[in-house]
Amino acid sequence: MASGWGITGNKGRCYDFWMDFSECMSRCREPKDCSLLREDYLECLHHSKEFQRRNRVYKEEQRKLRAAAQKADGVCGTGSHH
């Protein structure tokens, strides 16, 4: 990755993030000063925040579908209890 070449021979998708992080680390005294750039670089590599967000959205959609199904079952079932 540090070479900048991607698998297809072009610039790697995360190379710009790496360069920003690398430049920050070379000019800052404290590594924590570059933590946001490091986070951006790691997100580019692994997409962990993106996957977490997708999972949260999916779980919420599933929760809404289950709630709607339960509500529909409850509405249909209430008429026959007289």
PDB file of N, CA and C in Angstrom:
ATOM      1  N   MET A   1       0.816  -1.187   0.000  1.00  0.00           N
ATOM      2  CA  MET A   1       0.000   0.000   0.000  1.00  0.00           C
ATOM      3  C   MET A   1       0.857   1.247   0.000  1.00  0.00           C
ATOM      4  N   ALA A   2       1.913   1.252   0.751  1.00  0.00           N
ATOM      5  CA  ALA A   2       2.715   2.456   0.876  1.00  0.00           C
ATOM      6  C   ALA A   2       3.366   2.841  -0.447  1.00  0.00           C
ATOM      7  N   SER A   3       3.468   1.887  -1.376  1.00  0.00           N
ATOM      8  CA  SER A   3       4.062   2.209  -2.666  1.00  0.00           C
ATOM      9  C   SER A   3       3.136   3.094  -3.491  1.00  0.00           C
ATOM     10  N   GLY A   4       1.837   3.035  -3.207  1.00  0.00           N
ATOM     11  CA  GLY A   4       0.860   3.835  -3.934  1.00  0.00           C
ATOM     12  C   GLY A   4       0.245   3.127  -5.114  1.00  0.00           C
ATOM     13  N   TRP A   5       0.731   1.951  -5.450  1.00  0.00           N
ATOM     14  CA  TRP A   5       0.203   1.224  -6.601  1.00  0.00           C
ATOM     15  C   TRP A   5      -0.874   0.258  -6.160  1.00  0.00           C
ATOM     16  N   GLY A   6      -2.001   0.327  -6.845  1.00  0.00           N
ATOM     17  CA  GLY A   6      -3.094  -0.581  -6.556  1.00  0.00           C
ATOM     18  C   GLY A   6      -2.935  -1.879  -7.308  1.00  0.00           C
ATOM     19  N   ILE A   7      -3.902  -2.739  -7.171  1.00  0.00           N
ATOM     20  CA  ILE A   7      -3.842  -4.063  -7.779  1.00  0.00           C
ATOM     21  C   ILE A   7      -3.884  -4.000  -9.302  1.00  0.00           C
ATOM     22  N   THR A   8      -4.497  -2.954  -9.854  1.00  0.00           N
ATOM     23  CA  THR A   8      -4.598  -2.834 -11.307  1.00  0.00           C
ATOM     24  C   THR A   8      -3.455  -2.029 -11.911  1.00  0.00           C
ATOM     25  N   GLY A   9      -2.521  -1.595 -11.082  1.00  0.00           N
ATOM     26  CA  GLY A   9      -1.395  -0.825 -11.588  1.00  0.00           C
ATOM     27  C   GLY A   9      -1.594   0.675 -11.493  1.00  0.00           C
ATOM     28  N   ASN A  10      -2.801   1.091 -11.154  1.00  0.00           N
ATOM     29  CA  ASN A  10      -3.084   2.511 -10.950  1.00  0.00           C
ATOM     30  C   ASN A  10      -2.850   2.864  -9.488  1.00  0.00           C
ATOM     31  N   LYS A  11      -3.082   4.119  -9.173  1.00  0.00           N
ATOM     32  CA  LYS A  11      -2.950   4.557  -7.782  1.00  0.00           C
ATOM     33  C   LYS A  11      -3.981   3.824  -6.938  1.00  0.00           C
ATOM     34  N   GLY A  12      -3.566   3.341  -5.783  1.00  0.00           N
ATOM     35  CA  GLY A  12      -4.462   2.625  -4.880  1.00  0.00           C
ATOM     36  C   GLY A  12      -5.581   3.517  -4.365  1.00  0.00           C
ATOM     37  N   ARG A  13      -6.722   2.920  -4.046  1.00  0.00           N
ATOM     38  CA  ARG A  13      -7.887   3.703  -3.640  1.00  0.00           C
ATOM     39  C   ARG A  13      -7.665   4.457  -2.336  1.00  0.00           C
ATOM     40  N   CYS A  14      -6.800   3.966  -1.484  1.00  0.00           N
ATOM     41  CA  CYS A  14      -6.575   4.603  -0.184  1.00  0.00           C
ATOM     42  C   CYS A  14      -5.261   5.362  -0.118  1.00  0.00           C
ATOM     43  N   TYR A  15      -4.577   5.475  -1.238  1.00  0.00           N
ATOM     44  CA  TYR A  15      -3.259   6.093  -1.226  1.00  0.00           C
ATOM     45  C   TYR A  15      -3.302   7.552  -0.762  1.00  0.00           C
ATOM     46  N   ASP A  16      -4.285   8.300  -1.193  1.00  0.00           N
ATOM     47  CA  ASP A  16      -4.378   9.702  -0.770  1.00  0.00           C
ATOM     48  C   ASP A  16      -4.582   9.815   0.739  1.00  0.00           C
ATOM     49  N   PHE A  17      -5.393   8.928   1.300  1.00  0.00           N
ATOM     50  CA  PHE A  17      -5.582   8.914   2.751  1.00  0.00           C
ATOM     51  C   PHE A  17      -4.271   8.569   3.457  1.00  0.00           C
ATOM     52  N   TRP A  18      -3.551   7.600   2.880  1.00  0.00           N
ATOM     53  CA  TRP A  18      -2.268   7.219   3.453  1.00  0.00           C
ATOM     54  C   TRP A  18      -1.290   8.389   3.432  1.00  0.00           C
ATOM     55  N   MET A  19      -1.233   9.104   2.325  1.00  0.00           N
ATOM     56  CA  MET A  19      -0.301  10.230   2.213  1.00  0.00           C
ATOM     57  C   MET A  19      -0.636  11.323   3.223  1.00  0.00           C
ATOM     58  N   ASP A  20      -1.919  11.633   3.387  1.00  0.00           N
ATOM     59  CA  ASP A  20      -2.316  12.632   4.378  1.00  0.00           C
ATOM     60  C   ASP A  20      -1.892  12.208   5.775  1.00  0.00           C
ATOM     61  N   PHE A  21      -2.155  10.957   6.114  1.00  0.00           N
ATOM     62  CA  PHE A  21      -1.788  10.437   7.428  1.00  0.00           C
ATOM     63  C   PHE A  21      -0.274  10.429   7.606  1.00  0.00           C
ATOM     64  N   SER A  22       0.431   9.981   6.606  1.00  0.00           N
ATOM     65  CA  SER A  22       1.889   9.910   6.668  1.00  0.00           C
ATOM     66  C   SER A  22       2.518  11.298   6.834  1.00  0.00           C
ATOM     67  N   GLU A  23       2.021  12.264   6.084  1.00  0.00           N
ATOM     68  CA  GLU A  23       2.530  13.636   6.210  1.00  0.00           C
ATOM     69  C   GLU A  23       2.266  14.187   7.603  1.00  0.00           C
ATOM     70  N   CYS A  24       1.097  13.928   8.118  1.00  0.00           N
ATOM     71  CA  CYS A  24       0.756  14.391   9.464  1.00  0.00           C
ATOM     72  C   CYS A  24       1.707  13.774  10.490  1.00  0.00           C
ATOM     73  N   MET A  25       1.930  12.477  10.389  1.00  0.00           N
ATOM     74  CA  MET A  25       2.809  11.799  11.343  1.00  0.00           C
ATOM     75  C   MET A  25       4.238  12.326  11.261  1.00  0.00           C
ATOM     76  N   SER A  26       4.677  12.742  10.092  1.00  0.00           N
ATOM     77  CA  SER A  26       6.049  13.225   9.963  1.00  0.00           C
ATOM     78  C   SER A  26       6.221  14.637  10.502  1.00  0.00           C
ATOM     79  N   ARG A  27       5.149  15.410  10.594  1.00  0.00           N
ATOM     80  CA  ARG A  27       5.297  16.794  11.049  1.00  0.00           C
ATOM     81  C   ARG A  27       4.742  17.053  12.448  1.00  0.00           C
ATOM     82  N   CYS A  28       3.996  16.114  13.018  1.00  0.00           N
ATOM     83  CA  CYS A  28       3.398  16.331  14.342  1.00  0.00           C
ATOM     84  C   CYS A  28       4.238  15.675  15.426  1.00  0.00           C
ATOM     85  N   ARG A  29       4.169  16.266  16.595  1.00  0.00           N
ATOM     86  CA  ARG A  29       4.922  15.724  17.734  1.00  0.00           C
ATOM     87  C   ARG A  29       4.193  14.576  18.403  1.00  0.00           C
ATOM     88  N   GLU A  30       2.898  14.678  18.479  1.00  0.00           N
ATOM     89  CA  GLU A  30       2.081  13.659  19.149  1.00  0.00           C
ATOM     90  C   GLU A  30       1.299  12.846  18.117  1.00  0.00           C
ATOM     91  N   PRO A  31       1.415  11.534  18.151  1.00  0.00           N
ATOM     92  CA  PRO A  31       0.637  10.707  17.215  1.00  0.00           C
ATOM     93  C   PRO A  31      -0.868  10.930  17.331  1.00  0.00           C
ATOM     94  N   LYS A  32      -1.347  11.296  18.516  1.00  0.00           N
ATOM     95  CA  LYS A  32      -2.785  11.501  18.692  1.00  0.00           C
ATOM     96  C   LYS A  32      -3.293  12.676  17.861  1.00  0.00           C
ATOM     97  N   ASP A  33      -2.393  13.586  17.462  1.00  0.00           N
ATOM     98  CA  ASP A  33      -2.789  14.710  16.620  1.00  0.00           C
ATOM     99  C   ASP A  33      -3.248  14.244  15.237  1.00  0.00           C
ATOM    100  N   CYS A  34      -2.847  13.056  14.865  1.00  0.00           N
ATOM    101  CA  CYS A  34      -3.179  12.517  13.542  1.00  0.00           C
ATOM    102  C   CYS A  34      -4.247  11.428  13.620  1.00  0.00           C
ATOM    103  N   SER A  35      -4.917  11.316  14.737  1.00  0.00           N
ATOM    104  CA  SER A  35      -5.845  10.205  14.928  1.00  0.00           C
ATOM    105  C   SER A  35      -7.006  10.233  13.934  1.00  0.00           C
ATOM    106  N   LEU A  36      -7.504  11.414  13.586  1.00  0.00           N
ATOM    107  CA  LEU A  36      -8.614  11.473  12.627  1.00  0.00           C
ATOM    108  C   LEU A  36      -8.172  11.039  11.232  1.00  0.00           C
ATOM    109  N   LEU A  37      -6.964  11.417  10.847  1.00  0.00           N
ATOM    110  CA  LEU A  37      -6.449  10.995   9.538  1.00  0.00           C
ATOM    111  C   LEU A  37      -6.198   9.484   9.521  1.00  0.00           C
ATOM    112  N   ARG A  38      -5.720   8.954  10.643  1.00  0.00           N
ATOM    113  CA  ARG A  38      -5.525   7.508  10.749  1.00  0.00           C
ATOM    114  C   ARG A  38      -6.862   6.794  10.625  1.00  0.00           C
ATOM    115  N   GLU A  39      -7.867   7.333  11.303  1.00  0.00           N
ATOM    116  CA  GLU A  39      -9.215   6.759  11.249  1.00  0.00           C
ATOM    117  C   GLU A  39      -9.749   6.753   9.816  1.00  0.00           C
ATOM    118  N   ASP A  40      -9.533   7.852   9.090  1.00  0.00           N
ATOM    119  CA  ASP A  40      -9.974   7.929   7.694  1.00  0.00           C
ATOM    120  C   ASP A  40      -9.270   6.881   6.842  1.00  0.00           C
ATOM    121  N   TYR A  41      -7.960   6.740   7.046  1.00  0.00           N
ATOM    122  CA  TYR A  41      -7.193   5.762   6.276  1.00  0.00           C
ATOM    123  C   TYR A  41      -7.684   4.342   6.562  1.00  0.00           C
ATOM    124  N   LEU A  42      -7.880   4.019   7.835  1.00  0.00           N
ATOM    125  CA  LEU A  42      -8.344   2.672   8.181  1.00  0.00           C
ATOM    126  C   LEU A  42      -9.757   2.414   7.675  1.00  0.00           C
ATOM    127  N   GLU A  43     -10.600   3.443   7.694  1.00  0.00           N
ATOM    128  CA  GLU A  43     -11.954   3.285   7.151  1.00  0.00           C
ATOM    129  C   GLU A  43     -11.891   2.992   5.652  1.00  0.00           C
ATOM    130  N   CYS A  44     -11.000   3.672   4.967  1.00  0.00           N
ATOM    131  CA  CYS A  44     -10.836   3.420   3.530  1.00  0.00           C
ATOM    132  C   CYS A  44     -10.401   1.975   3.291  1.00  0.00           C
ATOM    133  N   LEU A  45      -9.508   1.481   4.108  1.00  0.00           N
ATOM    134  CA  LEU A  45      -9.016   0.112   3.933  1.00  0.00           C
ATOM    135  C   LEU A  45     -10.068  -0.937   4.265  1.00  0.00           C
ATOM    136  N   HIS A  46     -10.760  -0.766   5.402  1.00  0.00           N
ATOM    137  CA  HIS A  46     -11.592  -1.841   5.938  1.00  0.00           C
ATOM    138  C   HIS A  46     -13.096  -1.584   5.892  1.00  0.00           C
ATOM    139  N   HIS A  47     -13.514  -0.351   5.717  1.00  0.00           N
ATOM    140  CA  HIS A  47     -14.941   0.017   5.637  1.00  0.00           C
ATOM    141  C   HIS A  47     -15.726  -0.390   6.885  1.00  0.00           C
ATOM    142  N   SER A  48     -15.093  -0.419   8.025  1.00  0.00           N
ATOM    143  CA  SER A  48     -15.781  -0.901   9.228  1.00  0.00           C
ATOM    144  C   SER A  48     -16.945  -0.002   9.643  1.00  0.00           C
ATOM    145  N   LYS A  49     -16.791   1.303   9.554  1.00  0.00           N
ATOM    146  CA  LYS A  49     -17.895   2.202   9.919  1.00  0.00           C
ATOM    147  C   LYS A  49     -19.050   2.055   8.935  1.00  0.00           C
ATOM    148  N   GLU A  50     -18.712   1.895   7.672  1.00  0.00           N
ATOM    149  CA  GLU A  50     -19.753   1.716   6.660  1.00  0.00           C
ATOM    150  C   GLU A  50     -20.549   0.442   6.934  1.00  0.00           C
ATOM    151  N   PHE A  51     -19.852  -0.646   7.251  1.00  0.00           N
ATOM    152  CA  PHE A  51     -20.539  -1.903   7.536  1.00  0.00           C
ATOM    153  C   PHE A  51     -21.391  -1.807   8.789  1.00  0.00           C
ATOM    154  N   GLN A  52     -20.887  -1.122   9.823  1.00  0.00           N
ATOM    155  CA  GLN A  52     -21.681  -0.937  11.037  1.00  0.00           C
ATOM    156  C   GLN A  52     -22.952  -0.164  10.730  1.00  0.00           C
ATOM    157  N   ARG A  53     -22.836   0.878   9.932  1.00  0.00           N
ATOM    158  CA  ARG A  53     -24.016   1.674   9.587  1.00  0.00           C
ATOM    159  C   ARG A  53     -25.005   0.846   8.772  1.00  0.00           C
ATOM    160  N   ARG A  54     -24.493   0.100   7.798  1.00  0.00           N
ATOM    161  CA  ARG A  54     -25.390  -0.754   7.007  1.00  0.00           C
ATOM    162  C   ARG A  54     -26.125  -1.753   7.881  1.00  0.00           C
ATOM    163  N   ASN A  55     -25.414  -2.332   8.848  1.00  0.00           N
ATOM    164  CA  ASN A  55     -26.050  -3.296   9.751  1.00  0.00           C
ATOM    165  C   ASN A  55     -27.119  -2.633  10.604  1.00  0.00           C
ATOM    166  N   ARG A  56     -26.850  -1.423  11.097  1.00  0.00           N
ATOM    167  CA  ARG A  56     -27.857  -0.712  11.894  1.00  0.00           C
ATOM    168  C   ARG A  56     -29.095  -0.400  11.059  1.00  0.00           C
ATOM    169  N   VAL A  57     -28.886   0.042   9.816  1.00  0.00           N
ATOM    170  CA  VAL A  57     -30.012   0.348   8.936  1.00  0.00           C
ATOM    171  C   VAL A  57     -30.812  -0.923   8.652  1.00  0.00           C
ATOM    172  N   TYR A  58     -30.118  -2.016   8.356  1.00  0.00           N
ATOM    173  CA  TYR A  58     -30.790  -3.282   8.077  1.00  0.00           C
ATOM    174  C   TYR A  58     -31.600  -3.754   9.289  1.00  0.00           C
ATOM    175  N   LYS A  59     -31.004  -3.690  10.481  1.00  0.00           N
ATOM    176  CA  LYS A  59     -31.707  -4.131  11.684  1.00  0.00           C
ATOM    177  C   LYS A  59     -32.939  -3.275  11.949  1.00  0.00           C
ATOM    178  N   GLU A  60     -32.833  -1.976  11.714  1.00  0.00           N
ATOM    179  CA  GLU A  60     -33.985  -1.097  11.909  1.00  0.00           C
ATOM    180  C   GLU A  60     -35.091  -1.415  10.906  1.00  0.00           C
ATOM    181  N   GLU A  61     -34.710  -1.667   9.653  1.00  0.00           N
ATOM    182  CA  GLU A  61     -35.702  -2.043   8.644  1.00  0.00           C
ATOM    183  C   GLU A  61     -36.402  -3.338   9.037  1.00  0.00           C
ATOM    184  N   GLN A  62     -35.630  -4.307   9.519  1.00  0.00           N
ATOM    185  CA  GLN A  62     -36.215  -5.580   9.937  1.00  0.00           C
ATOM    186  C   GLN A  62     -37.145  -5.397  11.136  1.00  0.00           C
ATOM    187  N   ARG A  63     -36.750  -4.530  12.071  1.00  0.00           N
ATOM    188  CA  ARG A  63     -37.584  -4.258  13.237  1.00  0.00           C
ATOM    189  C   ARG A  63     -38.918  -3.646  12.800  1.00  0.00           C
ATOM    190  N   LYS A  64     -38.858  -2.702  11.848  1.00  0.00           N
ATOM    191  CA  LYS A  64     -40.086  -2.063  11.360  1.00  0.00           C
ATOM    192  C   LYS A  64     -40.976  -3.067  10.633  1.00  0.00           C
ATOM    193  N   LEU A  65     -40.384  -3.946   9.852  1.00  0.00           N
ATOM    194  CA  LEU A  65     -41.166  -4.970   9.155  1.00  0.00           C
ATOM    195  C   LEU A  65     -41.848  -5.910  10.140  1.00  0.00           C
ATOM    196  N   ARG A  66     -41.114  -6.334  11.182  1.00  0.00           N
ATOM    197  CA  ARG A  66     -41.707  -7.211  12.197  1.00  0.00           C
ATOM    198  C   ARG A  66     -42.833  -6.502  12.939  1.00  0.00           C
ATOM    199  N   ALA A  67     -42.612  -5.226  13.261  1.00  0.00           N
ATOM    200  CA  ALA A  67     -43.640  -4.460  13.971  1.00  0.00           C
ATOM    201  C   ALA A  67     -44.890  -4.315  13.101  1.00  0.00           C
ATOM    202  N   ALA A  68     -44.701  -4.044  11.820  1.00  0.00           N
ATOM    203  CA  ALA A  68     -45.841  -3.912  10.911  1.00  0.00           C
ATOM    204  C   ALA A  68     -46.568  -5.239  10.769  1.00  0.00           C
ATOM    205  N   ALA A  69     -45.826  -6.336  10.708  1.00  0.00           N
ATOM    206  CA  ALA A  69     -46.444  -7.658  10.588  1.00  0.00           C
ATOM    207  C   ALA A  69     -47.226  -8.001  11.855  1.00  0.00           C
ATOM    208  N   GLN A  70     -46.669  -7.681  13.011  1.00  0.00           N
ATOM    209  CA  GLN A  70     -47.369  -7.945  14.268  1.00  0.00           C
ATOM    210  C   GLN A  70     -48.620  -7.089  14.382  1.00  0.00           C
ATOM    211  N   LYS A  71     -48.512  -5.842  13.943  1.00  0.00           N
ATOM    212  CA  LYS A  71     -49.663  -4.948  13.986  1.00  0.00           C
ATOM    213  C   LYS A  71     -50.765  -5.464  13.057  1.00  0.00           C
ATOM    214  N   ALA A  72     -50.368  -5.917  11.868  1.00  0.00           N
ATOM    215  CA  ALA A  72     -51.342  -6.455  10.920  1.00  0.00           C
ATOM    216  C   ALA A  72     -51.995  -7.725  11.474  1.00  0.00           C
ATOM    217  N   ASP A  73     -51.215  -8.582  12.112  1.00  0.00           N
ATOM    218  CA  ASP A  73     -51.771  -9.786  12.725  1.00  0.00           C
ATOM    219  C   ASP A  73     -52.716  -9.426  13.862  1.00  0.00           C
ATOM    220  N   GLY A  74     -52.362  -8.407  14.622  1.00  0.00           N
ATOM    221  CA  GLY A  74     -53.208  -7.974  15.736  1.00  0.00           C
ATOM    222  C   GLY A  74     -54.507  -7.372  15.258  1.00  0.00           C
ATOM    223  N   VAL A  75     -54.494  -6.620  14.171  1.00  0.00           N
ATOM    224  CA  VAL A  75     -55.702  -5.996  13.629  1.00  0.00           C
ATOM    225  C   VAL A  75     -56.631  -7.070  13.072  1.00  0.00           C
ATOM    226  N   CYS A  76     -56.097  -8.027  12.368  1.00  0.00           N
ATOM    227  CA  CYS A  76     -56.928  -9.089  11.793  1.00  0.00           C
ATOM    228  C   CYS A  76     -57.494  -9.984  12.878  1.00  0.00           C
ATOM    229  N   GLY A  77     -56.746 -10.199  13.922  1.00  0.00           N
ATOM    230  CA  GLY A  77     -57.194 -11.103  14.980  1.00  0.00           C
ATOM    231  C   GLY A  77     -58.190 -10.472  15.933  1.00  0.00           C
ATOM    232  N   THR A  78     -58.287  -9.168  16.032  1.00  0.00           N
ATOM    233  CA  THR A  78     -59.167  -8.547  17.026  1.00  0.00           C
ATOM    234  C   THR A  78     -60.628  -8.670  16.665  1.00  0.00           C
ATOM    235  N   GLY A  79     -60.969  -8.787  15.410  1.00  0.00           N
ATOM    236  CA  GLY A  79     -62.363  -8.875  15.001  1.00  0.00           C
ATOM    237  C   GLY A  79     -62.996 -10.211  15.348  1.00  0.00           C
ATOM    238  N   SER A  80     -62.254 -11.252  15.547  1.00  0.00           N
ATOM    239  CA  SER A  80     -62.821 -12.579  15.779  1.00  0.00           C
ATOM    240  C   SER A  80     -62.939 -12.911  17.254  1.00  0.00           C
ATOM    241  N   HIS A  81     -62.623 -12.011  18.146  1.00  0.00           N
ATOM    242  CA  HIS A  81     -62.670 -12.301  19.588  1.00  0.00           C
ATOM    243  C   HIS A  81     -63.965 -11.874  20.235  1.00  0.00           C
ATOM    244  N   HIS A  82     -65.037 -11.622  19.504  1.00  0.00           N
ATOM    245  CA  HIS A  82     -66.303 -11.177  20.111  1.00  0.00           C
ATOM    246  C   HIS A  82     -67.019 -12.304  20.700  1.00  0.00           C
TER     247      HIS A  82
END
